[in-house]
């Protein structure tokens, strides 16, 4: 019986700790409001998968969509403001 071995290196390098970096944790923390808004929308949509949505269900879904869009708008505005501040201070080299 022959053994099979991989002939190529791993695509992702193996790290010792397998833990996210500080920058990755900061990015997750910054996006957490959007992640939570996504979860709320998914909860509302999952609740009506096996039945016809009532008026209350439809309102819940609309409210969750509006919340997600509002959070996304806030995060995009924050990112744009940070980029503008970095370019004004000479951060772009």
Protein backbone atom coordinates (compact mmCIF):
# COMPACT_ATOMS: atom_id res chain seq x y z
CA UNK A 1 0.00 0.00 0.00
CA UNK A 2 1.33 3.43 -0.96
CA UNK A 3 1.17 6.43 1.33
CA UNK A 4 -0.15 9.69 -0.05
CA UNK A 5 1.69 12.87 0.85
CA UNK A 6 1.02 16.48 -0.02
CA UNK A 7 3.48 17.82 -2.57
CA UNK A 8 2.72 21.50 -1.92
CA UNK A 9 3.19 23.71 1.10
CA UNK A 10 0.22 24.78 3.13
CA UNK A 11 -1.60 27.80 1.77
CA UNK A 12 -1.99 29.38 5.19
CA UNK A 13 1.08 29.42 7.39
CA UNK A 14 0.65 27.62 10.68
CA UNK A 15 0.96 29.88 13.68
CA UNK A 16 1.91 28.63 17.08
CA UNK A 17 -0.98 30.11 19.01
CA UNK A 18 -3.67 30.05 16.31
CA UNK A 19 -5.09 33.16 17.91
CA UNK A 20 -6.18 36.33 16.14
CA UNK A 21 -3.82 39.27 16.17
CA UNK A 22 -4.56 42.49 17.99
CA UNK A 23 -5.43 44.17 14.67
CA UNK A 24 -7.90 41.39 13.81
CA UNK A 25 -9.53 41.66 17.24
CA UNK A 26 -9.81 45.44 16.82
CA UNK A 27 -11.47 44.98 13.42
CA UNK A 28 -13.95 42.50 14.88
CA UNK A 29 -14.73 44.84 17.77
CA UNK A 30 -15.22 47.74 15.35
CA UNK A 31 -17.62 45.67 13.20
CA UNK A 32 -19.51 44.15 16.17
CA UNK A 33 -22.54 46.49 15.88
CA UNK A 34 -22.97 45.41 12.25
CA UNK A 35 -22.54 41.75 13.17
CA UNK A 36 -25.21 42.06 15.86
CA UNK A 37 -27.57 43.85 13.45
CA UNK A 38 -27.01 41.01 10.96
CA UNK A 39 -27.87 38.48 13.66
CA UNK A 40 -31.09 40.35 14.49
CA UNK A 41 -32.10 40.34 10.82
CA UNK A 42 -31.31 36.65 10.46
CA UNK A 43 -33.30 35.84 13.60
CA UNK A 44 -36.30 37.69 12.19
CA UNK A 45 -35.99 35.95 8.82
CA UNK A 46 -35.48 32.49 10.32
CA UNK A 47 -38.56 32.92 12.48
CA UNK A 48 -40.78 33.07 9.39
CA UNK A 49 -39.14 30.38 7.26
CA UNK A 50 -41.78 27.74 7.97
CA UNK A 51 -44.85 29.94 8.11
CA UNK A 52 -46.49 32.91 6.49
CA UNK A 53 -45.17 36.12 8.07
CA UNK A 54 -47.72 38.03 10.10
CA UNK A 55 -47.86 41.81 10.13
CA UNK A 56 -45.79 41.80 13.31
CA UNK A 57 -43.16 39.57 11.66
CA UNK A 58 -42.98 41.89 8.66
CA UNK A 59 -42.48 44.88 10.95
CA UNK A 60 -39.74 43.05 12.83
CA UNK A 61 -37.93 42.24 9.58
CA UNK A 62 -38.26 45.82 8.30
CA UNK A 63 -37.00 47.19 11.61
CA UNK A 64 -34.02 44.80 11.54
CA UNK A 65 -33.19 45.82 7.93
CA UNK A 66 -33.36 49.51 8.82
CA UNK A 67 -31.15 48.93 11.86
CA UNK A 68 -28.58 47.07 9.75
CA UNK A 69 -28.53 49.85 7.14
CA UNK A 70 -28.19 52.53 9.83
CA UNK A 71 -25.30 50.72 11.49
CA UNK A 72 -23.60 50.19 8.13
CA UNK A 73 -23.98 53.90 7.34
CA UNK A 74 -22.42 54.87 10.68
CA UNK A 75 -19.47 52.50 10.19
CA UNK A 76 -18.86 53.72 6.63
CA UNK A 77 -18.97 57.33 7.78
CA UNK A 78 -16.49 56.53 10.56
CA UNK A 79 -14.17 54.81 8.09
CA UNK A 80 -14.40 57.73 5.66
CA UNK A 81 -13.70 60.23 8.44
CA UNK A 82 -10.70 58.21 9.59
CA UNK A 83 -9.37 57.99 6.03
CA UNK A 84 -9.83 61.73 5.53
CA UNK A 85 -8.06 62.46 8.81
CA UNK A 86 -5.18 60.20 7.83
CA UNK A 87 -4.79 61.88 4.45
CA UNK A 88 -4.94 65.36 6.00
CA UNK A 89 -2.24 64.53 8.53
CA UNK A 90 0.08 63.27 5.80
CA UNK A 91 -0.46 59.62 6.59
CA UNK A 92 -0.52 58.69 2.91
CA UNK A 93 3.03 58.24 1.75
